[in-house]
Amino acid sequence: MAIRMILESLLGDRFNVVCLENGEQALEWLQENRLPDCMILDLSMPGIDGFEVIRRMREDRSLAHVPVIVVSSKDSSADRIRCSKLGAHEYVVKPFRPAELEARIESLFRRVG
C-alpha cells in the first residue's frame, strides 16, 4: 500500500498514475484501457506475480511493446536475470531513492522513445 502512495506522490504531477491491487487487475486494466507509456510492476503481488504479468504481456502482441520497470524487494541476481529475460527494461530494488526511480523512468523514455 505505501509504495503505491509513494509512486502516486512522486510521479502523479507529471504522469497519469494508475495503481492496482494485483496482477490480475493489471492485466484486465491493460486490456480495457489505452495502453500506458510505462508500467511499474512489483514482483510480489497477491494472485499472479509480477513475473507472470510480464510473461503474459510479452505474449500478447498488443501489450508486448509496453516498457516495464520492476520495483521489488527481491535483490537476487536470479530475479534480475529472469526479469530481463522476460522483457523488463529496468529493475529497481526497494527501498529505492525517489531520484533513482525518476532517473530510470526518464532514461527508459529516452531509450524507447
PDB file of N, CA and C in Angstrom:
ATOM      1  N   MET A   1       0.820  -1.193   0.000  1.00  0.00           N
ATOM      2  CA  MET A   1       0.000   0.000   0.000  1.00  0.00           C
ATOM      3  C   MET A   1       0.864   1.257   0.000  1.00  0.00           C
ATOM      4  N   ALA A   2       1.866   1.312   0.844  1.00  0.00           N
ATOM      5  CA  ALA A   2       2.695   2.507   0.967  1.00  0.00           C
ATOM      6  C   ALA A   2       3.440   2.808  -0.328  1.00  0.00           C
ATOM      7  N   ILE A   3       3.915   1.775  -1.014  1.00  0.00           N
ATOM      8  CA  ILE A   3       4.662   2.001  -2.256  1.00  0.00           C
ATOM      9  C   ILE A   3       3.784   2.673  -3.305  1.00  0.00           C
ATOM     10  N   ARG A   4       2.517   2.296  -3.367  1.00  0.00           N
ATOM     11  CA  ARG A   4       1.614   2.923  -4.343  1.00  0.00           C
ATOM     12  C   ARG A   4       1.435   4.399  -4.025  1.00  0.00           C
ATOM     13  N   MET A   5       1.302   4.742  -2.752  1.00  0.00           N
ATOM     14  CA  MET A   5       1.161   6.155  -2.374  1.00  0.00           C
ATOM     15  C   MET A   5       2.424   6.933  -2.708  1.00  0.00           C
ATOM     16  N   ILE A   6       3.576   6.311  -2.504  1.00  0.00           N
ATOM     17  CA  ILE A   6       4.848   6.966  -2.842  1.00  0.00           C
ATOM     18  C   ILE A   6       4.924   7.223  -4.340  1.00  0.00           C
ATOM     19  N   LEU A   7       4.568   6.223  -5.129  1.00  0.00           N
ATOM     20  CA  LEU A   7       4.616   6.383  -6.586  1.00  0.00           C
ATOM     21  C   LEU A   7       3.642   7.456  -7.059  1.00  0.00           C
ATOM     22  N   GLU A   8       2.436   7.461  -6.507  1.00  0.00           N
ATOM     23  CA  GLU A   8       1.469   8.498  -6.888  1.00  0.00           C
ATOM     24  C   GLU A   8       1.988   9.877  -6.531  1.00  0.00           C
ATOM     25  N   SER A   9       2.552  10.015  -5.348  1.00  0.00           N
ATOM     26  CA  SER A   9       3.091  11.296  -4.901  1.00  0.00           C
ATOM     27  C   SER A   9       4.281  11.727  -5.751  1.00  0.00           C
ATOM     28  N   LEU A  10       5.156  10.787  -6.051  1.00  0.00           N
ATOM     29  CA  LEU A  10       6.377  11.079  -6.787  1.00  0.00           C
ATOM     30  C   LEU A  10       6.115  11.387  -8.257  1.00  0.00           C
ATOM     31  N   LEU A  11       5.194  10.653  -8.872  1.00  0.00           N
ATOM     32  CA  LEU A  11       5.017  10.728 -10.320  1.00  0.00           C
ATOM     33  C   LEU A  11       3.709  11.372 -10.767  1.00  0.00           C
ATOM     34  N   GLY A  12       2.770  11.515  -9.857  1.00  0.00           N
ATOM     35  CA  GLY A  12       1.428  11.957 -10.212  1.00  0.00           C
ATOM     36  C   GLY A  12       1.322  13.328 -10.839  1.00  0.00           C
ATOM     37  N   ASP A  13       2.262  14.214 -10.566  1.00  0.00           N
ATOM     38  CA  ASP A  13       2.180  15.550 -11.154  1.00  0.00           C
ATOM     39  C   ASP A  13       2.642  15.569 -12.609  1.00  0.00           C
ATOM     40  N   ARG A  14       3.387  14.550 -13.048  1.00  0.00           N
ATOM     41  CA  ARG A  14       3.885  14.503 -14.426  1.00  0.00           C
ATOM     42  C   ARG A  14       3.253  13.402 -15.275  1.00  0.00           C
ATOM     43  N   PHE A  15       2.695  12.410 -14.593  1.00  0.00           N
ATOM     44  CA  PHE A  15       2.154  11.261 -15.316  1.00  0.00           C
ATOM     45  C   PHE A  15       0.775  10.910 -14.777  1.00  0.00           C
ATOM     46  N   ASN A  16      -0.009  10.256 -15.602  1.00  0.00           N
ATOM     47  CA  ASN A  16      -1.273   9.699 -15.151  1.00  0.00           C
ATOM     48  C   ASN A  16      -0.948   8.359 -14.497  1.00  0.00           C
ATOM     49  N   VAL A  17      -1.008   8.297 -13.189  1.00  0.00           N
ATOM     50  CA  VAL A  17      -0.623   7.111 -12.435  1.00  0.00           C
ATOM     51  C   VAL A  17      -1.877   6.328 -12.067  1.00  0.00           C
ATOM     52  N   VAL A  18      -1.880   5.044 -12.417  1.00  0.00           N
ATOM     53  CA  VAL A  18      -2.976   4.139 -12.058  1.00  0.00           C
ATOM     54  C   VAL A  18      -2.376   3.050 -11.189  1.00  0.00           C
ATOM     55  N   CYS A  19      -2.871   2.915  -9.967  1.00  0.00           N
ATOM     56  CA  CYS A  19      -2.366   1.892  -9.053  1.00  0.00           C
ATOM     57  C   CYS A  19      -3.417   0.798  -8.902  1.00  0.00           C
ATOM     58  N   LEU A  20      -2.966  -0.433  -9.046  1.00  0.00           N
ATOM     59  CA  LEU A  20      -3.862  -1.584  -8.974  1.00  0.00           C
ATOM     60  C   LEU A  20      -3.377  -2.540  -7.896  1.00  0.00           C
ATOM     61  N   GLU A  21      -4.274  -3.368  -7.419  1.00  0.00           N
ATOM     62  CA  GLU A  21      -4.008  -4.237  -6.277  1.00  0.00           C
ATOM     63  C   GLU A  21      -3.200  -5.487  -6.589  1.00  0.00           C
ATOM     64  N   ASN A  22      -3.365  -6.043  -7.804  1.00  0.00           N
ATOM     65  CA  ASN A  22      -2.730  -7.330  -8.074  1.00  0.00           C
ATOM     66  C   ASN A  22      -2.514  -7.517  -9.574  1.00  0.00           C
ATOM     67  N   GLY A  23      -1.874  -8.615  -9.914  1.00  0.00           N
ATOM     68  CA  GLY A  23      -1.538  -8.890 -11.303  1.00  0.00           C
ATOM     69  C   GLY A  23      -2.745  -9.078 -12.198  1.00  0.00           C
ATOM     70  N   GLU A  24      -3.784  -9.729 -11.679  1.00  0.00           N
ATOM     71  CA  GLU A  24      -4.996  -9.924 -12.474  1.00  0.00           C
ATOM     72  C   GLU A  24      -5.621  -8.585 -12.854  1.00  0.00           C
ATOM     73  N   GLN A  25      -5.707  -7.677 -11.872  1.00  0.00           N
ATOM     74  CA  GLN A  25      -6.254  -6.343 -12.154  1.00  0.00           C
ATOM     75  C   GLN A  25      -5.396  -5.610 -13.179  1.00  0.00           C
ATOM     76  N   ALA A  26      -4.097  -5.750 -13.076  1.00  0.00           N
ATOM     77  CA  ALA A  26      -3.203  -5.074 -14.020  1.00  0.00           C
ATOM     78  C   ALA A  26      -3.452  -5.558 -15.443  1.00  0.00           C
ATOM     79  N   LEU A  27      -3.548  -6.863 -15.619  1.00  0.00           N
ATOM     80  CA  LEU A  27      -3.774  -7.404 -16.962  1.00  0.00           C
ATOM     81  C   LEU A  27      -5.160  -7.008 -17.490  1.00  0.00           C
ATOM     82  N   GLU A  28      -6.171  -7.020 -16.635  1.00  0.00           N
ATOM     83  CA  GLU A  28      -7.511  -6.590 -17.049  1.00  0.00           C
ATOM     84  C   GLU A  28      -7.497  -5.121 -17.461  1.00  0.00           C
ATOM     85  N   TRP A  29      -6.830  -4.287 -16.655  1.00  0.00           N
ATOM     86  CA  TRP A  29      -6.769  -2.855 -16.958  1.00  0.00           C
ATOM     87  C   TRP A  29      -6.081  -2.633 -18.301  1.00  0.00           C
ATOM     88  N   LEU A  30      -5.001  -3.352 -18.529  1.00  0.00           N
ATOM     89  CA  LEU A  30      -4.269  -3.214 -19.790  1.00  0.00           C
ATOM     90  C   LEU A  30      -5.150  -3.570 -20.986  1.00  0.00           C
ATOM     91  N   GLN A  31      -5.992  -4.559 -20.844  1.00  0.00           N
ATOM     92  CA  GLN A  31      -6.867  -4.979 -21.942  1.00  0.00           C
ATOM     93  C   GLN A  31      -8.010  -3.987 -22.179  1.00  0.00           C
ATOM     94  N   GLU A  32      -8.450  -3.309 -21.135  1.00  0.00           N
ATOM     95  CA  GLU A  32      -9.647  -2.475 -21.219  1.00  0.00           C
ATOM     96  C   GLU A  32      -9.368  -0.990 -21.436  1.00  0.00           C
ATOM     97  N   ASN A  33      -8.136  -0.563 -21.327  1.00  0.00           N
ATOM     98  CA  ASN A  33      -7.809   0.861 -21.386  1.00  0.00           C
ATOM     99  C   ASN A  33      -6.734   1.131 -22.428  1.00  0.00           C
ATOM    100  N   ARG A  34      -6.539   2.424 -22.674  1.00  0.00           N
ATOM    101  CA  ARG A  34      -5.457   2.841 -23.557  1.00  0.00           C
ATOM    102  C   ARG A  34      -4.145   2.379 -22.942  1.00  0.00           C
ATOM    103  N   LEU A  35      -3.263   1.891 -23.758  1.00  0.00           N
ATOM    104  CA  LEU A  35      -2.012   1.350 -23.248  1.00  0.00           C
ATOM    105  C   LEU A  35      -1.166   2.438 -22.580  1.00  0.00           C
ATOM    106  N   PRO A  36      -0.521   2.085 -21.489  1.00  0.00           N
ATOM    107  CA  PRO A  36       0.304   3.073 -20.784  1.00  0.00           C
ATOM    108  C   PRO A  36       1.631   3.304 -21.497  1.00  0.00           C
ATOM    109  N   ASP A  37       2.245   4.431 -21.173  1.00  0.00           N
ATOM    110  CA  ASP A  37       3.586   4.708 -21.686  1.00  0.00           C
ATOM    111  C   ASP A  37       4.614   3.820 -21.001  1.00  0.00           C
ATOM    112  N   CYS A  38       4.275   3.372 -19.795  1.00  0.00           N
ATOM    113  CA  CYS A  38       5.198   2.576 -18.992  1.00  0.00           C
ATOM    114  C   CYS A  38       4.401   1.865 -17.903  1.00  0.00           C
ATOM    115  N   MET A  39       4.887   0.711 -17.485  1.00  0.00           N
ATOM    116  CA  MET A  39       4.273   0.003 -16.367  1.00  0.00           C
ATOM    117  C   MET A  39       5.330  -0.209 -15.300  1.00  0.00           C
ATOM    118  N   ILE A  40       4.997   0.175 -14.068  1.00  0.00           N
ATOM    119  CA  ILE A  40       5.863  -0.083 -12.927  1.00  0.00           C
ATOM    120  C   ILE A  40       5.215  -1.225 -12.170  1.00  0.00           C
ATOM    121  N   LEU A  41       5.976  -2.272 -11.950  1.00  0.00           N
ATOM    122  CA  LEU A  41       5.402  -3.528 -11.500  1.00  0.00           C
ATOM    123  C   LEU A  41       6.222  -4.130 -10.372  1.00  0.00           C
ATOM    124  N   ASP A  42       5.548  -4.559  -9.318  1.00  0.00           N
ATOM    125  CA  ASP A  42       6.204  -5.299  -8.244  1.00  0.00           C
ATOM    126  C   ASP A  42       6.178  -6.776  -8.599  1.00  0.00           C
ATOM    127  N   LEU A  43       7.124  -7.535  -8.111  1.00  0.00           N
ATOM    128  CA  LEU A  43       7.121  -8.971  -8.365  1.00  0.00           C
ATOM    129  C   LEU A  43       6.221  -9.712  -7.390  1.00  0.00           C
ATOM    130  N   SER A  44       6.139  -9.228  -6.157  1.00  0.00           N
ATOM    131  CA  SER A  44       5.341  -9.879  -5.119  1.00  0.00           C
ATOM    132  C   SER A  44       3.966  -9.238  -5.043  1.00  0.00           C
ATOM    133  N   MET A  45       2.986  -9.957  -5.568  1.00  0.00           N
ATOM    134  CA  MET A  45       1.604  -9.475  -5.552  1.00  0.00           C
ATOM    135  C   MET A  45       0.696 -10.645  -5.231  1.00  0.00           C
ATOM    136  N   PRO A  46      -0.478 -10.349  -4.676  1.00  0.00           N
ATOM    137  CA  PRO A  46      -1.443 -11.429  -4.482  1.00  0.00           C
ATOM    138  C   PRO A  46      -1.875 -11.994  -5.837  1.00  0.00           C
ATOM    139  N   GLY A  47      -2.197 -13.259  -5.890  1.00  0.00           N
ATOM    140  CA  GLY A  47      -2.597 -13.874  -7.158  1.00  0.00           C
ATOM    141  C   GLY A  47      -1.373 -14.118  -8.015  1.00  0.00           C
ATOM    142  N   ILE A  48      -1.483 -13.774  -9.289  1.00  0.00           N
ATOM    143  CA  ILE A  48      -0.325 -13.980 -10.160  1.00  0.00           C
ATOM    144  C   ILE A  48       0.750 -12.950  -9.837  1.00  0.00           C
ATOM    145  N   ASP A  49       1.985 -13.385  -9.885  1.00  0.00           N
ATOM    146  CA  ASP A  49       3.078 -12.489  -9.519  1.00  0.00           C
ATOM    147  C   ASP A  49       3.539 -11.652 -10.711  1.00  0.00           C
ATOM    148  N   GLY A  50       4.476 -10.766 -10.442  1.00  0.00           N
ATOM    149  CA  GLY A  50       4.974  -9.878 -11.479  1.00  0.00           C
ATOM    150  C   GLY A  50       5.658 -10.592 -12.626  1.00  0.00           C
ATOM    151  N   PHE A  51       6.342 -11.691 -12.333  1.00  0.00           N
ATOM    152  CA  PHE A  51       6.966 -12.468 -13.408  1.00  0.00           C
ATOM    153  C   PHE A  51       5.911 -12.909 -14.425  1.00  0.00           C
ATOM    154  N   GLU A  52       4.796 -13.410 -13.909  1.00  0.00           N
ATOM    155  CA  GLU A  52       3.731 -13.909 -14.778  1.00  0.00           C
ATOM    156  C   GLU A  52       3.068 -12.764 -15.542  1.00  0.00           C
ATOM    157  N   VAL A  53       2.917 -11.611 -14.911  1.00  0.00           N
ATOM    158  CA  VAL A  53       2.352 -10.456 -15.607  1.00  0.00           C
ATOM    159  C   VAL A  53       3.239 -10.077 -16.786  1.00  0.00           C
ATOM    160  N   ILE A  54       4.546 -10.011 -16.553  1.00  0.00           N
ATOM    161  CA  ILE A  54       5.472  -9.671 -17.648  1.00  0.00           C
ATOM    162  C   ILE A  54       5.384 -10.718 -18.755  1.00  0.00           C
ATOM    163  N   ARG A  55       5.387 -11.993 -18.382  1.00  0.00           N
ATOM    164  CA  ARG A  55       5.325 -13.064 -19.376  1.00  0.00           C
ATOM    165  C   ARG A  55       4.069 -12.929 -20.236  1.00  0.00           C
ATOM    166  N   ARG A  56       2.933 -12.706 -19.597  1.00  0.00           N
ATOM    167  CA  ARG A  56       1.677 -12.576 -20.351  1.00  0.00           C
ATOM    168  C   ARG A  56       1.666 -11.332 -21.225  1.00  0.00           C
ATOM    169  N   MET A  57       2.247 -10.248 -20.722  1.00  0.00           N
ATOM    170  CA  MET A  57       2.321  -9.034 -21.533  1.00  0.00           C
ATOM    171  C   MET A  57       3.147  -9.280 -22.791  1.00  0.00           C
ATOM    172  N   ARG A  58       4.265  -9.964 -22.652  1.00  0.00           N
ATOM    173  CA  ARG A  58       5.149 -10.182 -23.794  1.00  0.00           C
ATOM    174  C   ARG A  58       4.555 -11.161 -24.799  1.00  0.00           C
ATOM    175  N   GLU A  59       3.648 -12.021 -24.359  1.00  0.00           N
ATOM    176  CA  GLU A  59       2.988 -12.956 -25.274  1.00  0.00           C
ATOM    177  C   GLU A  59       1.825 -12.317 -26.027  1.00  0.00           C
ATOM    178  N   ASP A  60       1.330 -11.200 -25.528  1.00  0.00           N
ATOM    179  CA  ASP A  60       0.187 -10.511 -26.135  1.00  0.00           C
ATOM    180  C   ASP A  60       0.723  -9.431 -27.077  1.00  0.00           C
ATOM    181  N   ARG A  61       0.450  -9.569 -28.365  1.00  0.00           N
ATOM    182  CA  ARG A  61       1.001  -8.615 -29.348  1.00  0.00           C
ATOM    183  C   ARG A  61       0.643  -7.165 -29.024  1.00  0.00           C
ATOM    184  N   SER A  62      -0.543  -6.935 -28.473  1.00  0.00           N
ATOM    185  CA  SER A  62      -0.963  -5.562 -28.194  1.00  0.00           C
ATOM    186  C   SER A  62      -0.244  -4.984 -26.973  1.00  0.00           C
ATOM    187  N   LEU A  63       0.326  -5.828 -26.126  1.00  0.00           N
ATOM    188  CA  LEU A  63       0.993  -5.362 -24.904  1.00  0.00           C
ATOM    189  C   LEU A  63       2.512  -5.538 -24.946  1.00  0.00           C
ATOM    190  N   ALA A  64       3.007  -6.251 -25.926  1.00  0.00           N
ATOM    191  CA  ALA A  64       4.410  -6.650 -25.954  1.00  0.00           C
ATOM    192  C   ALA A  64       5.377  -5.467 -25.943  1.00  0.00           C
ATOM    193  N   HIS A  65       4.969  -4.324 -26.464  1.00  0.00           N
ATOM    194  CA  HIS A  65       5.889  -3.186 -26.562  1.00  0.00           C
ATOM    195  C   HIS A  65       5.871  -2.273 -25.333  1.00  0.00           C
ATOM    196  N   VAL A  66       4.950  -2.501 -24.380  1.00  0.00           N
ATOM    197  CA  VAL A  66       4.847  -1.623 -23.214  1.00  0.00           C
ATOM    198  C   VAL A  66       6.087  -1.798 -22.336  1.00  0.00           C
ATOM    199  N   PRO A  67       6.835  -0.726 -22.096  1.00  0.00           N
ATOM    200  CA  PRO A  67       8.016  -0.822 -21.248  1.00  0.00           C
ATOM    201  C   PRO A  67       7.636  -1.156 -19.803  1.00  0.00           C
ATOM    202  N   VAL A  68       8.437  -2.003 -19.171  1.00  0.00           N
ATOM    203  CA  VAL A  68       8.175  -2.426 -17.793  1.00  0.00           C
ATOM    204  C   VAL A  68       9.373  -2.090 -16.917  1.00  0.00           C
ATOM    205  N   ILE A  69       9.082  -1.438 -15.799  1.00  0.00           N
ATOM    206  CA  ILE A  69      10.072  -1.194 -14.754  1.00  0.00           C
ATOM    207  C   ILE A  69       9.638  -2.028 -13.557  1.00  0.00           C
ATOM    208  N   VAL A  70      10.505  -2.902 -13.098  1.00  0.00           N
ATOM    209  CA  VAL A  70      10.227  -3.714 -11.922  1.00  0.00           C
ATOM    210  C   VAL A  70      10.749  -2.974 -10.700  1.00  0.00           C
ATOM    211  N   VAL A  71       9.908  -2.851  -9.689  1.00  0.00           N
ATOM    212  CA  VAL A  71      10.300  -2.296  -8.401  1.00  0.00           C
ATOM    213  C   VAL A  71      10.021  -3.394  -7.385  1.00  0.00           C
ATOM    214  N   SER A  72      11.075  -3.944  -6.788  1.00  0.00           N
ATOM    215  CA  SER A  72      10.902  -5.127  -5.949  1.00  0.00           C
ATOM    216  C   SER A  72      11.864  -5.134  -4.775  1.00  0.00           C
ATOM    217  N   SER A  73      11.459  -5.803  -3.727  1.00  0.00           N
ATOM    218  CA  SER A  73      12.364  -6.016  -2.594  1.00  0.00           C
ATOM    219  C   SER A  73      13.280  -7.202  -2.850  1.00  0.00           C
ATOM    220  N   LYS A  74      12.992  -7.971  -3.891  1.00  0.00           N
ATOM    221  CA  LYS A  74      13.839  -9.112  -4.261  1.00  0.00           C
ATOM    222  C   LYS A  74      15.105  -8.574  -4.926  1.00  0.00           C
ATOM    223  N   ASP A  75      16.248  -8.926  -4.360  1.00  0.00           N
ATOM    224  CA  ASP A  75      17.507  -8.364  -4.841  1.00  0.00           C
ATOM    225  C   ASP A  75      18.477  -9.433  -5.326  1.00  0.00           C
ATOM    226  N   SER A  76      17.963 -10.558  -5.775  1.00  0.00           N
ATOM    227  CA  SER A  76      18.873 -11.619  -6.219  1.00  0.00           C
ATOM    228  C   SER A  76      19.190 -11.470  -7.705  1.00  0.00           C
ATOM    229  N   SER A  77      20.356 -11.934  -8.072  1.00  0.00           N
ATOM    230  CA  SER A  77      20.740 -11.932  -9.483  1.00  0.00           C
ATOM    231  C   SER A  77      19.775 -12.769 -10.301  1.00  0.00           C
ATOM    232  N   ALA A  78      19.323 -13.885  -9.740  1.00  0.00           N
ATOM    233  CA  ALA A  78      18.401 -14.767 -10.463  1.00  0.00           C
ATOM    234  C   ALA A  78      17.107 -14.030 -10.813  1.00  0.00           C
ATOM    235  N   ASP A  79      16.586 -13.231  -9.876  1.00  0.00           N
ATOM    236  CA  ASP A  79      15.352 -12.480 -10.157  1.00  0.00           C
ATOM    237  C   ASP A  79      15.592 -11.403 -11.203  1.00  0.00           C
ATOM    238  N   ARG A  80      16.723 -10.717 -11.115  1.00  0.00           N
ATOM    239  CA  ARG A  80      17.049  -9.687 -12.107  1.00  0.00           C
ATOM    240  C   ARG A  80      17.195 -10.299 -13.502  1.00  0.00           C
ATOM    241  N   ILE A  81      17.889 -11.415 -13.571  1.00  0.00           N
ATOM    242  CA  ILE A  81      18.090 -12.085 -14.859  1.00  0.00           C
ATOM    243  C   ILE A  81      16.759 -12.578 -15.412  1.00  0.00           C
ATOM    244  N   ARG A  82      15.950 -13.180 -14.560  1.00  0.00           N
ATOM    245  CA  ARG A  82      14.641 -13.671 -15.016  1.00  0.00           C
ATOM    246  C   ARG A  82      13.796 -12.533 -15.569  1.00  0.00           C
ATOM    247  N   CYS A  83      13.768 -11.403 -14.869  1.00  0.00           N
ATOM    248  CA  CYS A  83      13.000 -10.250 -15.350  1.00  0.00           C
ATOM    249  C   CYS A  83      13.535  -9.755 -16.686  1.00  0.00           C
ATOM    250  N   SER A  84      14.840  -9.687 -16.801  1.00  0.00           N
ATOM    251  CA  SER A  84      15.449  -9.241 -18.051  1.00  0.00           C
ATOM    252  C   SER A  84      15.090 -10.176 -19.201  1.00  0.00           C
ATOM    253  N   LYS A  85      15.176 -11.480 -18.955  1.00  0.00           N
ATOM    254  CA  LYS A  85      14.842 -12.446 -19.994  1.00  0.00           C
ATOM    255  C   LYS A  85      13.364 -12.402 -20.371  1.00  0.00           C
ATOM    256  N   LEU A  86      12.506 -12.068 -19.405  1.00  0.00           N
ATOM    257  CA  LEU A  86      11.074 -11.953 -19.687  1.00  0.00           C
ATOM    258  C   LEU A  86      10.744 -10.681 -20.465  1.00  0.00           C
ATOM    259  N   GLY A  87      11.641  -9.678 -20.391  1.00  0.00           N
ATOM    260  CA  GLY A  87      11.422  -8.462 -21.159  1.00  0.00           C
ATOM    261  C   GLY A  87      11.262  -7.192 -20.356  1.00  0.00           C
ATOM    262  N   ALA A  88      11.588  -7.227 -19.061  1.00  0.00           N
ATOM    263  CA  ALA A  88      11.559  -5.994 -18.263  1.00  0.00           C
ATOM    264  C   ALA A  88      12.719  -5.100 -18.704  1.00  0.00           C
ATOM    265  N   HIS A  89      12.489  -3.798 -18.664  1.00  0.00           N
ATOM    266  CA  HIS A  89      13.505  -2.840 -19.107  1.00  0.00           C
ATOM    267  C   HIS A  89      14.408  -2.348 -17.979  1.00  0.00           C
ATOM    268  N   GLU A  90      13.854  -2.252 -16.784  1.00  0.00           N
ATOM    269  CA  GLU A  90      14.596  -1.743 -15.630  1.00  0.00           C
ATOM    270  C   GLU A  90      14.235  -2.576 -14.408  1.00  0.00           C
ATOM    271  N   TYR A  91      15.124  -2.578 -13.415  1.00  0.00           N
ATOM    272  CA  TYR A  91      14.902  -3.297 -12.162  1.00  0.00           C
ATOM    273  C   TYR A  91      15.409  -2.408 -11.042  1.00  0.00           C
ATOM    274  N   VAL A  92      14.508  -1.960 -10.172  1.00  0.00           N
ATOM    275  CA  VAL A  92      14.858  -1.077  -9.068  1.00  0.00           C
ATOM    276  C   VAL A  92      14.523  -1.798  -7.768  1.00  0.00           C
ATOM    277  N   VAL A  93      15.485  -1.843  -6.852  1.00  0.00           N
ATOM    278  CA  VAL A  93      15.296  -2.552  -5.590  1.00  0.00           C
ATOM    279  C   VAL A  93      14.736  -1.614  -4.527  1.00  0.00           C
ATOM    280  N   LYS A  94      13.716  -2.106  -3.810  1.00  0.00           N
ATOM    281  CA  LYS A  94      13.155  -1.380  -2.667  1.00  0.00           C
ATOM    282  C   LYS A  94      13.991  -1.676  -1.435  1.00  0.00           C
ATOM    283  N   PRO A  95      14.140  -0.727  -0.554  1.00  0.00           N
ATOM    284  CA  PRO A  95      13.671   0.649  -0.700  1.00  0.00           C
ATOM    285  C   PRO A  95      14.541   1.385  -1.721  1.00  0.00           C
ATOM    286  N   PHE A  96      13.908   2.231  -2.492  1.00  0.00           N
ATOM    287  CA  PHE A  96      14.626   2.957  -3.527  1.00  0.00           C
ATOM    288  C   PHE A  96      14.643   4.441  -3.188  1.00  0.00           C
ATOM    289  N   ARG A  97      15.577   5.129  -3.808  1.00  0.00           N
ATOM    290  CA  ARG A  97      15.615   6.592  -3.688  1.00  0.00           C
ATOM    291  C   ARG A  97      14.706   7.147  -4.778  1.00  0.00           C
ATOM    292  N   PRO A  98      13.809   8.050  -4.443  1.00  0.00           N
ATOM    293  CA  PRO A  98      12.909   8.610  -5.458  1.00  0.00           C
ATOM    294  C   PRO A  98      13.651   9.154  -6.675  1.00  0.00           C
ATOM    295  N   ALA A  99      14.782   9.812  -6.456  1.00  0.00           N
ATOM    296  CA  ALA A  99      15.540  10.369  -7.584  1.00  0.00           C
ATOM    297  C   ALA A  99      16.038   9.266  -8.507  1.00  0.00           C
ATOM    298  N   GLU A 100      16.384   8.104  -7.946  1.00  0.00           N
ATOM    299  CA  GLU A 100      16.838   6.989  -8.777  1.00  0.00           C
ATOM    300  C   GLU A 100      15.706   6.489  -9.665  1.00  0.00           C
ATOM    301  N   LEU A 101      14.525   6.324  -9.091  1.00  0.00           N
ATOM    302  CA  LEU A 101      13.397   5.850  -9.890  1.00  0.00           C
ATOM    303  C   LEU A 101      13.056   6.850 -10.984  1.00  0.00           C
ATOM    304  N   GLU A 102      13.036   8.127 -10.655  1.00  0.00           N
ATOM    305  CA  GLU A 102      12.760   9.153 -11.667  1.00  0.00           C
ATOM    306  C   GLU A 102      13.791   9.104 -12.788  1.00  0.00           C
ATOM    307  N   ALA A 103      15.063   8.941 -12.429  1.00  0.00           N
ATOM    308  CA  ALA A 103      16.121   8.872 -13.439  1.00  0.00           C
ATOM    309  C   ALA A 103      15.952   7.647 -14.325  1.00  0.00           C
ATOM    310  N   ARG A 104      15.564   6.519 -13.737  1.00  0.00           N
ATOM    311  CA  ARG A 104      15.356   5.299 -14.523  1.00  0.00           C
ATOM    312  C   ARG A 104      14.188   5.465 -15.488  1.00  0.00           C
ATOM    313  N   ILE A 105      13.121   6.122 -15.028  1.00  0.00           N
ATOM    314  CA  ILE A 105      11.959   6.356 -15.897  1.00  0.00           C
ATOM    315  C   ILE A 105      12.352   7.269 -17.054  1.00  0.00           C
ATOM    316  N   GLU A 106      13.050   8.351 -16.755  1.00  0.00           N
ATOM    317  CA  GLU A 106      13.481   9.281 -17.792  1.00  0.00           C
ATOM    318  C   GLU A 106      14.401   8.586 -18.799  1.00  0.00           C
ATOM    319  N   SER A 107      15.324   7.778 -18.309  1.00  0.00           N
ATOM    320  CA  SER A 107      16.239   7.040 -19.180  1.00  0.00           C
ATOM    321  C   SER A 107      15.468   6.064 -20.059  1.00  0.00           C
ATOM    322  N   LEU A 108      14.508   5.394 -19.481  1.00  0.00           N
ATOM    323  CA  LEU A 108      13.688   4.455 -20.241  1.00  0.00           C
ATOM    324  C   LEU A 108      12.949   5.168 -21.369  1.00  0.00           C
ATOM    325  N   PHE A 109      12.351   6.300 -21.067  1.00  0.00           N
ATOM    326  CA  PHE A 109      11.609   7.049 -22.096  1.00  0.00           C
ATOM    327  C   PHE A 109      12.529   7.530 -23.216  1.00  0.00           C
ATOM    328  N   ARG A 110      13.766   7.896 -22.881  1.00  0.00           N
ATOM    329  CA  ARG A 110      14.725   8.284 -23.915  1.00  0.00           C
ATOM    330  C   ARG A 110      15.059   7.093 -24.824  1.00  0.00           C
ATOM    331  N   ARG A 111      15.188   5.914 -24.229  1.00  0.00           N
ATOM    332  CA  ARG A 111      15.567   4.708 -24.997  1.00  0.00           C
ATOM    333  C   ARG A 111      14.436   4.203 -25.875  1.00  0.00           C
ATOM    334  N   VAL A 112      13.213   4.196 -25.359  1.00  0.00           N
ATOM    335  CA  VAL A 112      12.109   3.607 -26.115  1.00  0.00           C
ATOM    336  C   VAL A 112      11.335   4.649 -26.921  1.00  0.00           C
ATOM    337  N   GLY A 113      11.655   5.906 -26.677  1.00  0.00           N
ATOM    338  CA  GLY A 113      11.085   6.995 -27.444  1.00  0.00           C
ATOM    339  C   GLY A 113       9.639   7.155 -27.291  1.00  0.00           C
TER     340      GLY A 113
END
